[in-house]
Amino acid sequence: MGLSRGGAQNNTVTRVQLRPVLVEAIETLRTAGVASPRADAENLAAHVLGLERGRLLLAPLIGPEQLDTYRALVARRAERIPLQHLTGQSSMGEIDLEVGPGVFVPRPETELLFAWALARLETVPHDHTPIVVDLCTGSGALALAIAHARPDAEVHAVELDPGALRWARRNAELHSAAGDTPITLHHADVTDPGLLTELDGRVDIVVTNPPYIPEGAELSPEVAEHDPHRALFGGPDGLDVIRPMVPLIGRLLRPGGGVAIEHDDSNGGELTRLLAADGRFGEVAEHPDLAGKPRFVAAVSSASPT
């Protein structure tokens, strides 16, 4: 159309095909060394378009403003800024979490530990309110995912870092407002031998994804430059935080209660020995991730020290 009788010019927005834009973004991210260029390009496009990634085919076109936003996000991802910092979200189980600078971004591998916890909770008698403790909760991912999946549970989450605790509180408030069972957050040190004495011998499940990377390990820029150092490193062998947690966990668990501890793939054997040597744990077993790498160790509390 040309000018209307009133002189107003047509302002029809020209949209472009999304597919070649995605191809361009994938190549940009691949060249930048991003480990998952296709997934990240598609996730960023879904974020900009307000869609789930699996529904991108339903939006074959992208508008000019969205295109500018998308290309800007791709450029930042190419600078190795974490995907979750760009979208503002991560996930665990069936819930979404707000994340950003100052808190550890939950990893997909931790979904396996989460699944273990849910399966273990099925063994708790139905006339008993399950008690769960998440040590080193970070963003609140495990605690909130368990509370969402098991609204009958009493869930406690412990975090020392004030920055991470702010994110955990924010996520806890959002999920409580959405109708999930509230969790109890504790600003405390998981290496404190007097932590949570009010729960001694009452806890059904302890889960923890603590700082466990050995000092000096090589990390991707997304991790090294953006995840908090305090949330990553666990001393020379990665076990400086885990060692003092073992007696704490032994004190908290009821007889038959279970624990799962995520660890670096270099120290699963030593963690297994730590739990076995404590004398209060049986059924100690290493669990691999989907790539076959050692990911977490699980154990069950004995009725009494052996």
C-alpha atoms as a PDB file:
ATOM      1  CA  MET A   1       0.000   0.000   0.000  1.00  0.00           C
ATOM      2  CA  GLY A   2       1.091   3.591  -0.589  1.00  0.00           C
ATOM      3  CA  LEU A   3       0.069   6.657   1.373  1.00  0.00           C
ATOM      4  CA  SER A   4      -3.492   6.690   2.610  1.00  0.00           C
ATOM      5  CA  ARG A   5      -5.804   9.553   1.960  1.00  0.00           C
ATOM      6  CA  GLY A   6      -4.829  11.032   5.296  1.00  0.00           C
ATOM      7  CA  GLY A   7      -1.132  10.820   4.453  1.00  0.00           C
ATOM      8  CA  ALA A   8      -0.266   8.065   6.974  1.00  0.00           C
ATOM      9  CA  GLN A   9       2.503   5.728   5.779  1.00  0.00           C
ATOM     10  CA  ASN A  10       2.152   1.967   6.065  1.00  0.00           C
ATOM     11  CA  ASN A  11       4.117   0.707   9.068  1.00  0.00           C
ATOM     12  CA  THR A  12       3.793  -3.030   8.477  1.00  0.00           C
ATOM     13  CA  VAL A  13       6.596  -4.800  10.381  1.00  0.00           C
ATOM     14  CA  THR A  14       8.748  -7.036   8.188  1.00  0.00           C
ATOM     15  CA  ARG A  15       9.524 -10.325   9.878  1.00  0.00           C
ATOM     16  CA  VAL A  16      12.221 -12.736   8.765  1.00  0.00           C
ATOM     17  CA  GLN A  17      12.599 -16.497   8.731  1.00  0.00           C
ATOM     18  CA  LEU A  18      13.809 -17.874  12.052  1.00  0.00           C
ATOM     19  CA  ARG A  19      15.673 -20.898  10.666  1.00  0.00           C
ATOM     20  CA  PRO A  20      18.586 -19.021   8.993  1.00  0.00           C
ATOM     21  CA  VAL A  21      18.849 -16.812  12.081  1.00  0.00           C
ATOM     22  CA  LEU A  22      19.262 -19.957  14.195  1.00  0.00           C
ATOM     23  CA  VAL A  23      21.860 -21.376  11.817  1.00  0.00           C
ATOM     24  CA  GLU A  24      23.833 -18.140  12.097  1.00  0.00           C
ATOM     25  CA  ALA A  25      23.595 -18.197  15.895  1.00  0.00           C
ATOM     26  CA  ILE A  26      24.666 -21.838  16.131  1.00  0.00           C
ATOM     27  CA  GLU A  27      27.764 -21.133  14.065  1.00  0.00           C
ATOM     28  CA  THR A  28      28.577 -18.055  16.168  1.00  0.00           C
ATOM     29  CA  LEU A  29      28.392 -20.081  19.372  1.00  0.00           C
ATOM     30  CA  ARG A  30      30.294 -23.023  17.926  1.00  0.00           C
ATOM     31  CA  THR A  31      33.099 -20.730  16.828  1.00  0.00           C
ATOM     32  CA  ALA A  32      33.196 -19.210  20.325  1.00  0.00           C
ATOM     33  CA  GLY A  33      33.746 -22.653  21.852  1.00  0.00           C
ATOM     34  CA  VAL A  34      30.333 -23.008  23.514  1.00  0.00           C
ATOM     35  CA  ALA A  35      29.834 -26.674  24.382  1.00  0.00           C
ATOM     36  CA  SER A  36      26.203 -26.920  23.264  1.00  0.00           C
ATOM     37  CA  PRO A  37      25.752 -24.375  20.458  1.00  0.00           C
ATOM     38  CA  ARG A  38      22.508 -25.731  19.005  1.00  0.00           C
ATOM     39  CA  ALA A  39      20.756 -26.163  22.330  1.00  0.00           C
ATOM     40  CA  ASP A  40      21.847 -22.723  23.535  1.00  0.00           C
ATOM     41  CA  ALA A  41      20.855 -20.989  20.288  1.00  0.00           C
ATOM     42  CA  GLU A  42      17.433 -22.608  20.414  1.00  0.00           C
ATOM     43  CA  ASN A  43      16.954 -21.919  24.121  1.00  0.00           C
ATOM     44  CA  LEU A  44      17.782 -18.238  23.611  1.00  0.00           C
ATOM     45  CA  ALA A  45      15.344 -18.040  20.693  1.00  0.00           C
ATOM     46  CA  ALA A  46      12.629 -19.684  22.784  1.00  0.00           C
ATOM     47  CA  HIS A  47      13.342 -17.193  25.579  1.00  0.00           C
ATOM     48  CA  VAL A  48      13.026 -14.202  23.246  1.00  0.00           C
ATOM     49  CA  LEU A  49       9.868 -15.529  21.593  1.00  0.00           C
ATOM     50  CA  GLY A  50       8.250 -16.596  24.862  1.00  0.00           C
ATOM     51  CA  LEU A  51       7.971 -20.230  23.820  1.00  0.00           C
ATOM     52  CA  GLU A  52       9.152 -23.606  24.997  1.00  0.00           C
ATOM     53  CA  ARG A  53      12.142 -24.793  22.997  1.00  0.00           C
ATOM     54  CA  GLY A  54      10.171 -27.699  21.536  1.00  0.00           C
ATOM     55  CA  ARG A  55       7.614 -25.299  20.067  1.00  0.00           C
ATOM     56  CA  LEU A  56       9.994 -23.165  17.999  1.00  0.00           C
ATOM     57  CA  LEU A  57       8.670 -24.721  14.798  1.00  0.00           C
ATOM     58  CA  LEU A  58       5.344 -23.059  15.560  1.00  0.00           C
ATOM     59  CA  ALA A  59       7.046 -19.642  15.236  1.00  0.00           C
ATOM     60  CA  PRO A  60       8.869 -19.734  11.878  1.00  0.00           C
ATOM     61  CA  LEU A  61       9.196 -15.933  11.765  1.00  0.00           C
ATOM     62  CA  ILE A  62      10.896 -13.405  14.046  1.00  0.00           C
ATOM     63  CA  GLY A  63      10.280  -9.649  14.173  1.00  0.00           C
ATOM     64  CA  PRO A  64      12.990  -6.990  13.907  1.00  0.00           C
ATOM     65  CA  GLU A  65      12.987  -5.997  17.580  1.00  0.00           C
ATOM     66  CA  GLN A  66      13.055  -9.625  18.661  1.00  0.00           C
ATOM     67  CA  LEU A  67      15.836 -10.271  16.168  1.00  0.00           C
ATOM     68  CA  ASP A  68      17.943  -7.453  17.622  1.00  0.00           C
ATOM     69  CA  THR A  69      17.364  -8.774  21.137  1.00  0.00           C
ATOM     70  CA  TYR A  70      18.202 -12.296  20.075  1.00  0.00           C
ATOM     71  CA  ARG A  71      21.432 -11.378  18.328  1.00  0.00           C
ATOM     72  CA  ALA A  72      22.521  -9.337  21.343  1.00  0.00           C
ATOM     73  CA  LEU A  73      21.940 -12.339  23.606  1.00  0.00           C
ATOM     74  CA  VAL A  74      23.816 -14.644  21.252  1.00  0.00           C
ATOM     75  CA  ALA A  75      26.753 -12.212  21.258  1.00  0.00           C
ATOM     76  CA  ARG A  76      26.826 -12.252  25.057  1.00  0.00           C
ATOM     77  CA  ARG A  77      26.614 -16.039  25.109  1.00  0.00           C
ATOM     78  CA  ALA A  78      29.553 -16.103  22.697  1.00  0.00           C
ATOM     79  CA  GLU A  79      31.446 -14.161  25.388  1.00  0.00           C
ATOM     80  CA  ARG A  80      30.825 -17.268  27.546  1.00  0.00           C
ATOM     81  CA  ILE A  81      28.287 -15.660  29.839  1.00  0.00           C
ATOM     82  CA  PRO A  82      26.203 -18.587  31.162  1.00  0.00           C
ATOM     83  CA  LEU A  83      22.966 -19.266  29.321  1.00  0.00           C
ATOM     84  CA  GLN A  84      21.048 -19.181  32.603  1.00  0.00           C
ATOM     85  CA  HIS A  85      22.344 -15.690  33.398  1.00  0.00           C
ATOM     86  CA  LEU A  86      20.967 -14.512  30.062  1.00  0.00           C
ATOM     87  CA  THR A  87      17.550 -16.101  30.482  1.00  0.00           C
ATOM     88  CA  GLY A  88      17.468 -15.526  34.250  1.00  0.00           C
ATOM     89  CA  GLN A  89      16.278 -19.070  34.854  1.00  0.00           C
ATOM     90  CA  SER A  90      17.386 -22.604  35.538  1.00  0.00           C
ATOM     91  CA  SER A  91      15.362 -25.664  36.443  1.00  0.00           C
ATOM     92  CA  MET A  92      15.265 -28.684  38.698  1.00  0.00           C
ATOM     93  CA  GLY A  93      12.651 -31.395  38.430  1.00  0.00           C
ATOM     94  CA  GLU A  94       9.378 -29.724  37.507  1.00  0.00           C
ATOM     95  CA  ILE A  95      10.227 -26.245  38.783  1.00  0.00           C
ATOM     96  CA  ASP A  96      11.939 -23.170  37.408  1.00  0.00           C
ATOM     97  CA  LEU A  97      14.362 -21.144  39.506  1.00  0.00           C
ATOM     98  CA  GLU A  98      15.648 -17.613  39.211  1.00  0.00           C
ATOM     99  CA  VAL A  99      19.442 -17.497  38.992  1.00  0.00           C
ATOM    100  CA  GLY A 100      22.107 -14.949  38.138  1.00  0.00           C
ATOM    101  CA  PRO A 101      25.436 -13.543  39.312  1.00  0.00           C
ATOM    102  CA  GLY A 102      26.245 -14.572  42.869  1.00  0.00           C
ATOM    103  CA  VAL A 103      24.755 -18.064  42.883  1.00  0.00           C
ATOM    104  CA  PHE A 104      25.786 -21.444  41.520  1.00  0.00           C
ATOM    105  CA  VAL A 105      23.770 -22.450  38.452  1.00  0.00           C
ATOM    106  CA  PRO A 106      22.142 -25.878  38.990  1.00  0.00           C
ATOM    107  CA  ARG A 107      23.433 -28.535  36.611  1.00  0.00           C
ATOM    108  CA  PRO A 108      21.389 -31.170  34.753  1.00  0.00           C
ATOM    109  CA  GLU A 109      23.499 -33.902  36.391  1.00  0.00           C
ATOM    110  CA  THR A 110      21.992 -33.039  39.775  1.00  0.00           C
ATOM    111  CA  GLU A 111      18.611 -34.210  38.449  1.00  0.00           C
ATOM    112  CA  LEU A 112      19.887 -37.744  39.110  1.00  0.00           C
ATOM    113  CA  LEU A 113      20.420 -36.971  42.789  1.00  0.00           C
ATOM    114  CA  PHE A 114      16.963 -35.379  42.891  1.00  0.00           C
ATOM    115  CA  ALA A 115      15.422 -38.518  41.361  1.00  0.00           C
ATOM    116  CA  TRP A 116      17.231 -40.656  43.948  1.00  0.00           C
ATOM    117  CA  ALA A 117      15.762 -38.527  46.752  1.00  0.00           C
ATOM    118  CA  LEU A 118      12.214 -38.901  45.436  1.00  0.00           C
ATOM    119  CA  ALA A 119      12.610 -42.658  45.113  1.00  0.00           C
ATOM    120  CA  ARG A 120      14.030 -42.867  48.631  1.00  0.00           C
ATOM    121  CA  LEU A 121      11.139 -40.820  50.003  1.00  0.00           C
ATOM    122  CA  GLU A 122       8.773 -43.497  48.720  1.00  0.00           C
ATOM    123  CA  THR A 123      10.178 -45.803  51.409  1.00  0.00           C
ATOM    124  CA  VAL A 124       9.123 -43.451  54.231  1.00  0.00           C
ATOM    125  CA  PRO A 125       6.000 -44.728  56.057  1.00  0.00           C
ATOM    126  CA  HIS A 126       2.881 -42.920  54.877  1.00  0.00           C
ATOM    127  CA  ASP A 127       1.792 -42.082  58.437  1.00  0.00           C
ATOM    128  CA  HIS A 128       5.019 -40.149  58.968  1.00  0.00           C
ATOM    129  CA  THR A 129       5.822 -36.610  57.803  1.00  0.00           C
ATOM    130  CA  PRO A 130       9.072 -36.903  55.843  1.00  0.00           C
ATOM    131  CA  ILE A 131      11.874 -34.575  56.927  1.00  0.00           C
ATOM    132  CA  VAL A 132      14.411 -33.561  54.286  1.00  0.00           C
ATOM    133  CA  VAL A 133      17.580 -31.483  54.690  1.00  0.00           C
ATOM    134  CA  ASP A 134      19.407 -29.890  51.754  1.00  0.00           C
ATOM    135  CA  LEU A 135      22.944 -28.868  52.741  1.00  0.00           C
ATOM    136  CA  CYS A 136      24.626 -26.152  50.613  1.00  0.00           C
ATOM    137  CA  THR A 137      21.324 -25.319  48.949  1.00  0.00           C
ATOM    138  CA  GLY A 138      22.610 -22.460  46.747  1.00  0.00           C
ATOM    139  CA  SER A 139      19.626 -21.247  44.732  1.00  0.00           C
ATOM    140  CA  GLY A 140      17.362 -23.616  46.674  1.00  0.00           C
ATOM    141  CA  ALA A 141      17.115 -25.965  43.697  1.00  0.00           C
ATOM    142  CA  LEU A 142      17.013 -29.364  45.401  1.00  0.00           C
ATOM    143  CA  ALA A 143      15.027 -28.235  48.433  1.00  0.00           C
ATOM    144  CA  LEU A 144      12.363 -26.493  46.369  1.00  0.00           C
ATOM    145  CA  ALA A 145      12.113 -29.265  43.788  1.00  0.00           C
ATOM    146  CA  ILE A 146      11.577 -31.812  46.572  1.00  0.00           C
ATOM    147  CA  ALA A 147       9.015 -29.587  48.307  1.00  0.00           C
ATOM    148  CA  HIS A 148       7.153 -29.236  45.011  1.00  0.00           C
ATOM    149  CA  ALA A 149       7.172 -32.969  44.314  1.00  0.00           C
ATOM    150  CA  ARG A 150       6.395 -33.927  47.920  1.00  0.00           C
ATOM    151  CA  PRO A 151       4.169 -31.254  49.481  1.00  0.00           C
ATOM    152  CA  ASP A 152       3.770 -33.506  52.540  1.00  0.00           C
ATOM    153  CA  ALA A 153       7.464 -33.151  53.391  1.00  0.00           C
ATOM    154  CA  GLU A 154       9.108 -30.820  55.903  1.00  0.00           C
ATOM    155  CA  VAL A 155      12.087 -29.431  54.000  1.00  0.00           C
ATOM    156  CA  HIS A 156      15.061 -27.568  55.500  1.00  0.00           C
ATOM    157  CA  ALA A 157      17.766 -25.900  53.420  1.00  0.00           C
ATOM    158  CA  VAL A 158      21.143 -24.614  54.656  1.00  0.00           C
ATOM    159  CA  GLU A 159      23.335 -22.005  52.941  1.00  0.00           C
ATOM    160  CA  LEU A 160      26.275 -19.996  54.252  1.00  0.00           C
ATOM    161  CA  ASP A 161      26.952 -17.522  51.446  1.00  0.00           C
ATOM    162  CA  PRO A 162      24.789 -14.374  51.804  1.00  0.00           C
ATOM    163  CA  GLY A 163      24.611 -13.829  48.034  1.00  0.00           C
ATOM    164  CA  ALA A 164      23.376 -17.333  47.340  1.00  0.00           C
ATOM    165  CA  LEU A 165      20.989 -17.124  50.279  1.00  0.00           C
ATOM    166  CA  ARG A 166      19.319 -14.089  48.709  1.00  0.00           C
ATOM    167  CA  TRP A 167      18.599 -16.103  45.589  1.00  0.00           C
ATOM    168  CA  ALA A 168      17.315 -19.027  47.676  1.00  0.00           C
ATOM    169  CA  ARG A 169      14.993 -16.724  49.616  1.00  0.00           C
ATOM    170  CA  ARG A 170      13.731 -15.171  46.399  1.00  0.00           C
ATOM    171  CA  ASN A 171      13.000 -18.574  44.891  1.00  0.00           C
ATOM    172  CA  ALA A 172      11.408 -19.809  48.117  1.00  0.00           C
ATOM    173  CA  GLU A 173       9.108 -16.781  48.202  1.00  0.00           C
ATOM    174  CA  LEU A 174       8.109 -17.243  44.565  1.00  0.00           C
ATOM    175  CA  HIS A 175       7.267 -20.916  44.978  1.00  0.00           C
ATOM    176  CA  SER A 176       5.466 -20.381  48.254  1.00  0.00           C
ATOM    177  CA  ALA A 177       3.360 -17.689  46.589  1.00  0.00           C
ATOM    178  CA  ALA A 178       2.616 -20.135  43.767  1.00  0.00           C
ATOM    179  CA  GLY A 179       1.225 -22.636  46.266  1.00  0.00           C
ATOM    180  CA  ASP A 180       4.180 -24.918  46.982  1.00  0.00           C
ATOM    181  CA  THR A 181       4.871 -26.032  50.541  1.00  0.00           C
ATOM    182  CA  PRO A 182       7.195 -23.465  52.162  1.00  0.00           C
ATOM    183  CA  ILE A 183      10.710 -24.583  53.037  1.00  0.00           C
ATOM    184  CA  THR A 184      12.739 -23.488  56.061  1.00  0.00           C
ATOM    185  CA  LEU A 185      15.966 -21.692  55.149  1.00  0.00           C
ATOM    186  CA  HIS A 186      18.921 -21.622  57.556  1.00  0.00           C
ATOM    187  CA  HIS A 187      21.815 -19.181  57.172  1.00  0.00           C
ATOM    188  CA  ALA A 188      24.500 -21.438  58.581  1.00  0.00           C
ATOM    189  CA  ASP A 189      27.762 -23.284  57.978  1.00  0.00           C
ATOM    190  CA  VAL A 190      27.428 -26.972  57.085  1.00  0.00           C
ATOM    191  CA  THR A 191      30.798 -27.636  58.723  1.00  0.00           C
ATOM    192  CA  ASP A 192      29.444 -26.422  62.101  1.00  0.00           C
ATOM    193  CA  PRO A 193      29.248 -29.526  64.339  1.00  0.00           C
ATOM    194  CA  GLY A 194      26.316 -28.011  66.245  1.00  0.00           C
ATOM    195  CA  LEU A 195      24.137 -27.367  63.187  1.00  0.00           C
ATOM    196  CA  LEU A 196      20.432 -28.318  63.337  1.00  0.00           C
ATOM    197  CA  THR A 197      20.633 -30.191  66.631  1.00  0.00           C
ATOM    198  CA  GLU A 198      16.848 -29.921  66.894  1.00  0.00           C
ATOM    199  CA  LEU A 199      16.622 -32.423  64.021  1.00  0.00           C
ATOM    200  CA  ASP A 200      19.004 -35.008  65.505  1.00  0.00           C
ATOM    201  CA  GLY A 201      17.939 -38.545  64.597  1.00  0.00           C
ATOM    202  CA  ARG A 202      14.754 -37.362  62.862  1.00  0.00           C
ATOM    203  CA  VAL A 203      15.761 -36.696  59.259  1.00  0.00           C
ATOM    204  CA  ASP A 204      14.653 -39.082  56.518  1.00  0.00           C
ATOM    205  CA  ILE A 205      16.709 -37.696  53.638  1.00  0.00           C
ATOM    206  CA  VAL A 206      19.830 -35.538  53.409  1.00  0.00           C
ATOM    207  CA  VAL A 207      20.859 -34.271  49.981  1.00  0.00           C
ATOM    208  CA  THR A 208      23.801 -32.063  49.204  1.00  0.00           C
ATOM    209  CA  ASN A 209      25.579 -30.621  46.192  1.00  0.00           C
ATOM    210  CA  PRO A 210      28.482 -28.997  48.070  1.00  0.00           C
ATOM    211  CA  PRO A 211      31.631 -27.253  46.847  1.00  0.00           C
ATOM    212  CA  TYR A 212      33.650 -30.247  45.653  1.00  0.00           C
ATOM    213  CA  ILE A 213      36.004 -29.253  42.832  1.00  0.00           C
ATOM    214  CA  PRO A 214      39.703 -29.723  43.716  1.00  0.00           C
ATOM    215  CA  GLU A 215      41.677 -26.494  43.736  1.00  0.00           C
ATOM    216  CA  GLY A 216      43.560 -25.918  40.500  1.00  0.00           C
ATOM    217  CA  ALA A 217      41.137 -27.825  38.290  1.00  0.00           C
ATOM    218  CA  GLU A 218      40.628 -26.415  34.805  1.00  0.00           C
ATOM    219  CA  LEU A 219      37.121 -25.077  34.277  1.00  0.00           C
ATOM    220  CA  SER A 220      35.167 -23.600  31.392  1.00  0.00           C
ATOM    221  CA  PRO A 221      34.884 -19.784  31.318  1.00  0.00           C
ATOM    222  CA  GLU A 222      31.189 -20.042  32.195  1.00  0.00           C
ATOM    223  CA  VAL A 223      32.107 -21.729  35.470  1.00  0.00           C
ATOM    224  CA  ALA A 224      35.444 -20.131  36.320  1.00  0.00           C
ATOM    225  CA  GLU A 225      34.342 -16.559  35.629  1.00  0.00           C
ATOM    226  CA  HIS A 226      30.700 -16.608  36.686  1.00  0.00           C
ATOM    227  CA  ASP A 227      29.942 -19.264  39.320  1.00  0.00           C
ATOM    228  CA  PRO A 228      30.970 -18.138  42.833  1.00  0.00           C
ATOM    229  CA  HIS A 229      34.387 -19.522  43.794  1.00  0.00           C
ATOM    230  CA  ARG A 230      33.001 -20.401  47.215  1.00  0.00           C
ATOM    231  CA  ALA A 231      30.378 -22.661  45.638  1.00  0.00           C
ATOM    232  CA  LEU A 232      32.882 -24.524  43.499  1.00  0.00           C
ATOM    233  CA  PHE A 233      36.080 -25.430  45.288  1.00  0.00           C
ATOM    234  CA  GLY A 234      36.490 -27.865  48.156  1.00  0.00           C
ATOM    235  CA  GLY A 235      40.178 -27.679  48.939  1.00  0.00           C
ATOM    236  CA  PRO A 236      43.117 -29.621  47.448  1.00  0.00           C
ATOM    237  CA  ASP A 237      41.162 -32.854  46.930  1.00  0.00           C
ATOM    238  CA  GLY A 238      37.645 -31.386  46.805  1.00  0.00           C
ATOM    239  CA  LEU A 239      36.583 -32.873  50.147  1.00  0.00           C
ATOM    240  CA  ASP A 240      37.264 -30.046  52.619  1.00  0.00           C
ATOM    241  CA  VAL A 241      33.552 -29.249  52.971  1.00  0.00           C
ATOM    242  CA  ILE A 242      32.352 -32.828  52.659  1.00  0.00           C
ATOM    243  CA  ARG A 243      34.564 -34.333  55.404  1.00  0.00           C
ATOM    244  CA  PRO A 244      33.031 -32.371  58.307  1.00  0.00           C
ATOM    245  CA  MET A 245      29.545 -32.928  56.879  1.00  0.00           C
ATOM    246  CA  VAL A 246      29.788 -36.696  57.276  1.00  0.00           C
ATOM    247  CA  PRO A 247      29.472 -36.745  61.107  1.00  0.00           C
ATOM    248  CA  LEU A 248      26.761 -34.059  60.879  1.00  0.00           C
ATOM    249  CA  ILE A 249      24.770 -36.217  58.467  1.00  0.00           C
ATOM    250  CA  GLY A 250      25.249 -39.264  60.664  1.00  0.00           C
ATOM    251  CA  ARG A 251      23.808 -37.303  63.586  1.00  0.00           C
ATOM    252  CA  LEU A 252      20.822 -35.941  61.660  1.00  0.00           C
ATOM    253  CA  LEU A 253      19.574 -39.117  60.001  1.00  0.00           C
ATOM    254  CA  ARG A 254      17.096 -41.412  61.649  1.00  0.00           C
ATOM    255  CA  PRO A 255      17.854 -45.149  61.467  1.00  0.00           C
ATOM    256  CA  GLY A 256      17.106 -46.139  57.878  1.00  0.00           C
ATOM    257  CA  GLY A 257      17.364 -42.560  56.633  1.00  0.00           C
ATOM    258  CA  GLY A 258      19.299 -41.940  53.438  1.00  0.00           C
ATOM    259  CA  VAL A 259      21.913 -39.496  52.210  1.00  0.00           C
ATOM    260  CA  ALA A 260      23.159 -38.602  48.747  1.00  0.00           C
ATOM    261  CA  ILE A 261      26.268 -36.455  48.250  1.00  0.00           C
ATOM    262  CA  GLU A 262      27.303 -35.110  44.839  1.00  0.00           C
ATOM    263  CA  HIS A 263      31.063 -35.090  44.275  1.00  0.00           C
ATOM    264  CA  ASP A 264      33.834 -34.507  41.765  1.00  0.00           C
ATOM    265  CA  ASP A 265      34.389 -37.460  39.468  1.00  0.00           C
ATOM    266  CA  SER A 266      37.888 -37.843  40.950  1.00  0.00           C
ATOM    267  CA  ASN A 267      36.866 -38.456  44.563  1.00  0.00           C
ATOM    268  CA  GLY A 268      33.903 -40.836  44.640  1.00  0.00           C
ATOM    269  CA  GLY A 269      36.048 -43.657  45.966  1.00  0.00           C
ATOM    270  CA  GLU A 270      37.422 -41.555  48.821  1.00  0.00           C
ATOM    271  CA  LEU A 271      33.933 -40.332  49.726  1.00  0.00           C
ATOM    272  CA  THR A 272      32.723 -43.925  49.813  1.00  0.00           C
ATOM    273  CA  ARG A 273      35.554 -44.751  52.219  1.00  0.00           C
ATOM    274  CA  LEU A 274      34.714 -41.720  54.405  1.00  0.00           C
ATOM    275  CA  LEU A 275      31.108 -42.853  54.802  1.00  0.00           C
ATOM    276  CA  ALA A 276      32.046 -46.460  55.433  1.00  0.00           C
ATOM    277  CA  ALA A 277      34.683 -45.462  58.000  1.00  0.00           C
ATOM    278  CA  ASP A 278      32.209 -43.342  59.976  1.00  0.00           C
ATOM    279  CA  GLY A 279      30.478 -46.472  61.244  1.00  0.00           C
ATOM    280  CA  ARG A 280      26.932 -45.107  61.004  1.00  0.00           C
ATOM    281  CA  PHE A 281      26.281 -45.840  57.320  1.00  0.00           C
ATOM    282  CA  GLY A 282      25.524 -48.951  55.334  1.00  0.00           C
ATOM    283  CA  GLU A 283      24.538 -49.674  51.733  1.00  0.00           C
ATOM    284  CA  VAL A 284      27.176 -47.184  50.576  1.00  0.00           C
ATOM    285  CA  ALA A 285      27.061 -47.037  46.792  1.00  0.00           C
ATOM    286  CA  GLU A 286      28.493 -44.898  44.015  1.00  0.00           C
ATOM    287  CA  HIS A 287      26.118 -43.620  41.334  1.00  0.00           C
ATOM    288  CA  PRO A 288      27.279 -42.563  37.843  1.00  0.00           C
ATOM    289  CA  ASP A 289      25.794 -39.809  35.697  1.00  0.00           C
ATOM    290  CA  LEU A 290      24.412 -40.368  32.185  1.00  0.00           C
ATOM    291  CA  ALA A 291      27.939 -40.135  30.764  1.00  0.00           C
ATOM    292  CA  GLY A 292      29.094 -42.925  33.078  1.00  0.00           C
ATOM    293  CA  LYS A 293      31.182 -40.622  35.290  1.00  0.00           C
ATOM    294  CA  PRO A 294      30.966 -40.975  39.107  1.00  0.00           C
ATOM    295  CA  ARG A 295      28.410 -38.357  40.194  1.00  0.00           C
ATOM    296  CA  PHE A 296      27.118 -38.986  43.724  1.00  0.00           C
ATOM    297  CA  VAL A 297      27.448 -41.422  46.593  1.00  0.00           C
ATOM    298  CA  ALA A 298      24.398 -42.610  48.516  1.00  0.00           C
ATOM    299  CA  ALA A 299      24.186 -44.408  51.846  1.00  0.00           C
ATOM    300  CA  VAL A 300      21.690 -45.456  54.504  1.00  0.00           C
ATOM    301  CA  SER A 301      21.972 -44.749  58.214  1.00  0.00           C
ATOM    302  CA  SER A 302      22.446 -47.781  60.418  1.00  0.00           C
ATOM    303  CA  ALA A 303      20.331 -48.214  63.550  1.00  0.00           C
ATOM    304  CA  SER A 304      23.430 -47.665  65.671  1.00  0.00           C
ATOM    305  CA  PRO A 305      27.185 -47.237  65.159  1.00  0.00           C
ATOM    306  CA  THR A 306      28.892 -50.442  64.171  1.00  0.00           C
END
